[in-house]
C-alpha cells in the first residue's frame, strides 16, 4: 500500500465584496509587488490577516488592537485577570515615569525567573 502526501494547501474559492476603489487599489498593488496575480497577493494578505486574527483570539479583539489572554495553570485565572487589568490600567493612565519603573521591575523579574530558549 502506497502512502500519499496530503496537500499542504487547498484552492478554495472565496468571495469578498469590495468597492470599485478598493479593486483599483488591489490592481495597482498587484502591479508593483512581486506577486503578479491578484489571487497571489490576496492569498498572502489573507495568510497574514488570519495569523493576526488567531493571535487576537476574536474579531472584536483584533479590531480593538488587543490580544487574547493566555492563562497559566500556575495561578488562578482571577488573579491573572487582576494582574492584566492592573497593568493595562497603568499603561493607559499612569505617568511615563511610573510605566518605566514598572517595566524595569517586570523585566528584572522576568530575567530572574525566565529560562534561556
N, C-alpha and C. Protein backbone atom coordinates (compact mmCIF):
# COMPACT_ATOMS: atom_id res chain seq x y z
N UNK A 1 0.84 -1.17 0.00
CA UNK A 1 0.00 0.00 0.00
C UNK A 1 0.89 1.24 0.00
N UNK A 2 0.67 2.15 -0.92
CA UNK A 2 1.50 3.34 -1.00
C UNK A 2 0.86 4.49 -0.23
N UNK A 3 1.72 5.29 0.37
CA UNK A 3 1.24 6.46 1.10
C UNK A 3 1.27 7.67 0.19
N UNK A 4 0.25 8.48 0.30
CA UNK A 4 0.23 9.71 -0.48
C UNK A 4 0.40 10.89 0.46
N UNK A 5 1.07 11.89 -0.03
CA UNK A 5 1.31 13.09 0.78
C UNK A 5 0.08 14.00 0.68
N UNK A 6 -0.42 14.39 1.83
CA UNK A 6 -1.58 15.29 1.85
C UNK A 6 -1.16 16.66 1.36
N UNK A 7 -2.04 17.30 0.65
CA UNK A 7 -1.75 18.64 0.14
C UNK A 7 -1.63 19.61 1.31
N UNK A 8 -0.62 20.49 1.24
CA UNK A 8 -0.44 21.49 2.29
C UNK A 8 -1.47 22.60 2.18
N UNK A 9 -1.90 22.87 0.99
CA UNK A 9 -2.92 23.91 0.80
C UNK A 9 -3.98 23.42 -0.17
N UNK A 10 -5.13 23.97 -0.02
CA UNK A 10 -6.24 23.68 -0.92
C UNK A 10 -6.64 24.97 -1.61
N UNK A 11 -7.03 24.87 -2.84
CA UNK A 11 -7.55 26.03 -3.54
C UNK A 11 -9.06 26.04 -3.35
N UNK A 12 -9.52 27.03 -2.61
CA UNK A 12 -10.95 27.15 -2.32
C UNK A 12 -11.39 28.54 -2.74
N UNK A 13 -12.40 28.63 -3.58
CA UNK A 13 -12.85 29.96 -3.97
C UNK A 13 -13.56 30.66 -2.81
N UNK A 14 -13.10 31.86 -2.52
CA UNK A 14 -13.74 32.70 -1.51
C UNK A 14 -14.24 33.95 -2.20
N UNK A 15 -15.31 34.49 -1.71
CA UNK A 15 -15.83 35.68 -2.35
C UNK A 15 -15.88 36.81 -1.35
N UNK A 16 -15.37 37.96 -1.77
CA UNK A 16 -15.36 39.17 -0.95
C UNK A 16 -16.06 40.27 -1.71
N UNK A 17 -16.76 41.09 -0.99
CA UNK A 17 -17.35 42.28 -1.62
C UNK A 17 -16.39 43.43 -1.38
N UNK A 18 -15.94 44.04 -2.46
CA UNK A 18 -15.06 45.20 -2.35
C UNK A 18 -15.59 46.30 -3.25
N UNK A 19 -15.31 47.51 -2.84
CA UNK A 19 -15.74 48.64 -3.65
C UNK A 19 -14.86 48.74 -4.90
N UNK A 20 -15.34 49.40 -5.94
CA UNK A 20 -14.50 49.59 -7.13
C UNK A 20 -13.18 50.29 -6.80
N UNK A 21 -13.20 51.20 -5.84
CA UNK A 21 -11.97 51.90 -5.45
C UNK A 21 -10.96 50.92 -4.85
N UNK A 22 -11.44 50.00 -3.99
CA UNK A 22 -10.54 49.01 -3.41
C UNK A 22 -10.00 48.07 -4.48
N UNK A 23 -10.84 47.70 -5.43
CA UNK A 23 -10.39 46.83 -6.51
C UNK A 23 -9.28 47.50 -7.31
N UNK A 24 -9.43 48.79 -7.56
CA UNK A 24 -8.38 49.53 -8.27
C UNK A 24 -7.09 49.56 -7.46
N UNK A 25 -7.20 49.72 -6.14
CA UNK A 25 -6.01 49.70 -5.27
C UNK A 25 -5.33 48.34 -5.32
N UNK A 26 -6.14 47.29 -5.30
CA UNK A 26 -5.58 45.93 -5.37
C UNK A 26 -4.86 45.72 -6.69
N UNK A 27 -5.46 46.19 -7.77
CA UNK A 27 -4.82 46.05 -9.09
C UNK A 27 -3.49 46.82 -9.13
N UNK A 28 -3.46 48.03 -8.58
CA UNK A 28 -2.21 48.81 -8.56
C UNK A 28 -1.16 48.11 -7.70
N UNK A 29 -1.58 47.58 -6.55
CA UNK A 29 -0.65 46.88 -5.67
C UNK A 29 -0.09 45.64 -6.35
N UNK A 30 -0.94 44.93 -7.07
CA UNK A 30 -0.51 43.72 -7.78
C UNK A 30 0.58 44.05 -8.79
N UNK A 31 0.44 45.18 -9.47
CA UNK A 31 1.43 45.56 -10.48
C UNK A 31 2.78 45.91 -9.87
N UNK A 32 2.78 46.47 -8.66
CA UNK A 32 4.07 46.88 -8.08
C UNK A 32 4.71 45.82 -7.19
N UNK A 33 3.98 44.77 -6.84
CA UNK A 33 4.51 43.72 -5.98
C UNK A 33 5.14 42.60 -6.80
N UNK A 34 5.87 41.74 -6.11
CA UNK A 34 6.48 40.59 -6.76
C UNK A 34 5.41 39.62 -7.23
N UNK A 35 4.36 39.49 -6.45
CA UNK A 35 3.24 38.62 -6.82
C UNK A 35 2.48 39.29 -7.96
N UNK A 36 2.50 38.70 -9.12
CA UNK A 36 1.93 39.35 -10.29
C UNK A 36 0.47 39.01 -10.55
N UNK A 37 -0.09 38.13 -9.75
CA UNK A 37 -1.50 37.79 -9.92
C UNK A 37 -2.29 38.25 -8.70
N UNK A 38 -3.47 38.76 -8.94
CA UNK A 38 -4.32 39.26 -7.85
C UNK A 38 -4.54 38.18 -6.79
N UNK A 39 -4.79 36.95 -7.24
CA UNK A 39 -5.06 35.88 -6.27
C UNK A 39 -3.85 35.60 -5.38
N UNK A 40 -2.64 35.73 -5.92
CA UNK A 40 -1.44 35.52 -5.11
C UNK A 40 -1.30 36.60 -4.05
N UNK A 41 -1.52 37.86 -4.45
CA UNK A 41 -1.42 38.96 -3.50
C UNK A 41 -2.48 38.83 -2.41
N UNK A 42 -3.71 38.57 -2.81
CA UNK A 42 -4.80 38.42 -1.84
C UNK A 42 -4.52 37.22 -0.93
N UNK A 43 -3.95 36.15 -1.48
CA UNK A 43 -3.61 34.98 -0.67
C UNK A 43 -2.59 35.30 0.40
N UNK A 44 -1.57 36.07 0.05
CA UNK A 44 -0.55 36.47 1.03
C UNK A 44 -1.16 37.37 2.11
N UNK A 45 -1.99 38.29 1.70
CA UNK A 45 -2.66 39.18 2.66
C UNK A 45 -3.57 38.36 3.57
N UNK A 46 -4.27 37.40 3.00
CA UNK A 46 -5.16 36.54 3.79
C UNK A 46 -4.37 35.78 4.85
N UNK A 47 -3.23 35.19 4.47
CA UNK A 47 -2.41 34.44 5.43
C UNK A 47 -2.00 35.33 6.60
N UNK A 48 -1.55 36.54 6.29
CA UNK A 48 -1.15 37.48 7.35
C UNK A 48 -2.35 37.82 8.23
N UNK A 49 -3.47 38.16 7.61
CA UNK A 49 -4.66 38.55 8.37
C UNK A 49 -5.16 37.40 9.25
N UNK A 50 -5.10 36.19 8.74
CA UNK A 50 -5.58 35.04 9.51
C UNK A 50 -4.70 34.81 10.74
N UNK A 51 -3.38 34.95 10.59
CA UNK A 51 -2.47 34.81 11.74
C UNK A 51 -2.78 35.87 12.79
N UNK A 52 -3.00 37.10 12.33
CA UNK A 52 -3.33 38.18 13.27
C UNK A 52 -4.65 37.92 13.97
N UNK A 53 -5.62 37.41 13.24
CA UNK A 53 -6.93 37.08 13.82
C UNK A 53 -6.77 36.00 14.89
N UNK A 54 -6.03 34.94 14.58
CA UNK A 54 -5.83 33.87 15.56
C UNK A 54 -5.08 34.37 16.78
N UNK A 55 -4.08 35.22 16.57
CA UNK A 55 -3.32 35.77 17.68
C UNK A 55 -4.20 36.63 18.59
N UNK A 56 -5.12 37.39 17.99
CA UNK A 56 -6.01 38.25 18.78
C UNK A 56 -7.05 37.43 19.53
N UNK A 57 -7.50 36.33 18.96
CA UNK A 57 -8.46 35.48 19.63
C UNK A 57 -9.90 35.71 19.23
N UNK A 58 -10.22 36.90 18.76
CA UNK A 58 -11.58 37.19 18.30
C UNK A 58 -11.54 38.41 17.39
N UNK A 59 -12.58 38.57 16.61
CA UNK A 59 -12.64 39.72 15.71
C UNK A 59 -12.69 41.02 16.49
N UNK A 60 -13.44 41.03 17.58
CA UNK A 60 -13.52 42.24 18.41
C UNK A 60 -12.14 42.65 18.93
N UNK A 61 -11.37 41.68 19.46
CA UNK A 61 -10.04 41.99 19.96
C UNK A 61 -9.11 42.43 18.84
N UNK A 62 -9.25 41.82 17.67
CA UNK A 62 -8.43 42.22 16.53
C UNK A 62 -8.71 43.67 16.15
N UNK A 63 -9.98 44.02 16.07
CA UNK A 63 -10.35 45.38 15.69
C UNK A 63 -9.99 46.39 16.77
N UNK A 64 -10.03 45.95 18.05
CA UNK A 64 -9.66 46.84 19.15
C UNK A 64 -8.15 46.92 19.34
N UNK A 65 -7.41 46.04 18.66
CA UNK A 65 -5.95 46.04 18.79
C UNK A 65 -5.47 45.34 20.04
N UNK A 66 -6.29 44.46 20.62
CA UNK A 66 -5.88 43.74 21.81
C UNK A 66 -5.68 42.27 21.47
N UNK A 67 -5.04 41.56 22.38
CA UNK A 67 -4.79 40.13 22.17
C UNK A 67 -5.56 39.31 23.18
N UNK A 68 -5.82 38.07 22.81
CA UNK A 68 -6.45 37.15 23.76
C UNK A 68 -5.44 36.84 24.86
N UNK A 69 -5.95 36.69 26.04
CA UNK A 69 -5.06 36.38 27.17
C UNK A 69 -4.74 34.90 27.18
N UNK A 70 -3.49 34.61 27.45
CA UNK A 70 -3.06 33.23 27.59
C UNK A 70 -2.87 32.98 29.07
N UNK A 71 -3.65 32.07 29.62
CA UNK A 71 -3.62 31.82 31.05
C UNK A 71 -2.61 30.73 31.38
N UNK A 72 -1.94 30.93 32.51
CA UNK A 72 -1.03 29.94 33.05
C UNK A 72 -1.81 29.04 34.00
N UNK A 73 -1.38 27.83 34.15
CA UNK A 73 -2.05 26.93 35.09
C UNK A 73 -1.51 27.08 36.51
N UNK A 74 -0.48 27.90 36.67
CA UNK A 74 0.18 28.01 37.96
C UNK A 74 -0.62 28.80 38.99
N UNK A 75 -1.41 29.77 38.53
CA UNK A 75 -2.23 30.57 39.44
C UNK A 75 -3.63 30.70 38.86
N UNK A 76 -4.56 31.16 39.67
CA UNK A 76 -5.96 31.22 39.23
C UNK A 76 -6.14 32.23 38.10
N UNK A 77 -7.17 31.99 37.28
CA UNK A 77 -7.49 32.93 36.21
C UNK A 77 -7.90 34.28 36.79
N UNK A 78 -8.55 34.27 37.96
CA UNK A 78 -8.97 35.52 38.59
C UNK A 78 -7.76 36.40 38.91
N UNK A 79 -6.72 35.79 39.50
CA UNK A 79 -5.51 36.55 39.82
C UNK A 79 -4.85 37.06 38.55
N UNK A 80 -4.81 36.22 37.52
CA UNK A 80 -4.21 36.65 36.26
C UNK A 80 -5.00 37.80 35.65
N UNK A 81 -6.34 37.73 35.72
CA UNK A 81 -7.16 38.83 35.22
C UNK A 81 -6.88 40.12 35.98
N UNK A 82 -6.71 40.01 37.31
CA UNK A 82 -6.38 41.19 38.11
C UNK A 82 -5.05 41.80 37.67
N UNK A 83 -4.06 40.94 37.43
CA UNK A 83 -2.74 41.43 37.00
C UNK A 83 -2.82 42.10 35.63
N UNK A 84 -3.51 41.46 34.69
CA UNK A 84 -3.67 42.06 33.36
C UNK A 84 -4.38 43.41 33.46
N UNK A 85 -5.44 43.47 34.26
CA UNK A 85 -6.20 44.71 34.40
C UNK A 85 -5.34 45.80 35.04
N UNK A 86 -4.57 45.43 36.07
CA UNK A 86 -3.71 46.40 36.73
C UNK A 86 -2.66 46.95 35.76
N UNK A 87 -2.03 46.06 35.01
CA UNK A 87 -1.01 46.50 34.06
C UNK A 87 -1.63 47.35 32.95
N UNK A 88 -2.78 46.94 32.47
CA UNK A 88 -3.46 47.70 31.42
C UNK A 88 -3.83 49.10 31.92
N UNK A 89 -4.28 49.19 33.17
CA UNK A 89 -4.62 50.49 33.76
C UNK A 89 -3.39 51.37 33.87
N UNK A 90 -2.29 50.79 34.32
CA UNK A 90 -1.03 51.55 34.43
C UNK A 90 -0.60 52.04 33.06
N UNK A 91 -0.62 51.17 32.06
CA UNK A 91 -0.19 51.56 30.72
C UNK A 91 -1.07 52.66 30.13
N UNK A 92 -2.36 52.62 30.43
CA UNK A 92 -3.28 53.60 29.86
C UNK A 92 -3.36 54.91 30.63
N UNK A 93 -3.06 54.89 31.94
CA UNK A 93 -3.34 56.08 32.75
C UNK A 93 -2.16 56.65 33.52
N UNK A 94 -1.15 55.84 33.79
CA UNK A 94 -0.06 56.31 34.65
C UNK A 94 0.90 57.21 33.89
N UNK A 95 1.60 58.07 34.64
CA UNK A 95 2.65 58.90 34.00
C UNK A 95 3.76 58.00 33.45
N UNK A 96 4.49 58.51 32.49
CA UNK A 96 5.53 57.71 31.83
C UNK A 96 6.60 57.24 32.81
N UNK A 97 6.91 58.02 33.83
CA UNK A 97 7.92 57.61 34.81
C UNK A 97 7.47 56.35 35.55
N UNK A 98 6.20 56.26 35.88
CA UNK A 98 5.66 55.08 36.55
C UNK A 98 5.72 53.88 35.61
N UNK A 99 5.36 54.08 34.36
CA UNK A 99 5.39 52.99 33.38
C UNK A 99 6.81 52.47 33.21
N UNK A 100 7.79 53.38 33.13
CA UNK A 100 9.19 52.97 33.00
C UNK A 100 9.65 52.20 34.23
N UNK A 101 9.22 52.62 35.42
CA UNK A 101 9.58 51.92 36.65
C UNK A 101 8.99 50.51 36.67
N UNK A 102 7.73 50.38 36.27
CA UNK A 102 7.09 49.07 36.20
C UNK A 102 7.80 48.19 35.17
N UNK A 103 8.16 48.76 34.04
CA UNK A 103 8.86 48.00 33.00
C UNK A 103 10.19 47.47 33.52
N UNK A 104 10.95 48.32 34.22
CA UNK A 104 12.24 47.88 34.78
C UNK A 104 12.03 46.73 35.78
N UNK A 105 11.05 46.89 36.64
CA UNK A 105 10.79 45.87 37.66
C UNK A 105 10.37 44.54 37.02
N UNK A 106 9.44 44.60 36.08
CA UNK A 106 8.98 43.37 35.43
C UNK A 106 10.09 42.71 34.61
N UNK A 107 10.87 43.52 33.92
CA UNK A 107 11.97 42.97 33.11
C UNK A 107 13.00 42.28 33.99
N UNK A 108 13.31 42.89 35.14
CA UNK A 108 14.28 42.29 36.06
C UNK A 108 13.76 40.95 36.58
N UNK A 109 12.49 40.91 36.96
CA UNK A 109 11.92 39.65 37.47
C UNK A 109 11.82 38.60 36.37
N UNK A 110 11.44 39.01 35.19
CA UNK A 110 11.35 38.06 34.08
C UNK A 110 12.72 37.47 33.79
N UNK A 111 13.75 38.30 33.85
CA UNK A 111 15.11 37.81 33.63
C UNK A 111 15.54 36.83 34.71
N UNK A 112 15.10 37.08 35.93
CA UNK A 112 15.46 36.21 37.05
C UNK A 112 14.79 34.85 36.95
N UNK A 113 13.52 34.82 36.55
CA UNK A 113 12.76 33.58 36.53
C UNK A 113 12.65 32.96 35.14
N UNK A 114 13.02 33.70 34.12
CA UNK A 114 12.92 33.18 32.76
C UNK A 114 14.01 32.16 32.49
N UNK A 115 13.78 31.37 31.47
CA UNK A 115 14.79 30.39 31.07
C UNK A 115 15.31 30.76 29.69
N UNK A 116 16.51 30.28 29.40
CA UNK A 116 17.09 30.53 28.08
C UNK A 116 16.44 29.60 27.08
N UNK A 117 16.11 30.18 25.92
CA UNK A 117 15.47 29.36 24.88
C UNK A 117 16.28 29.38 23.64
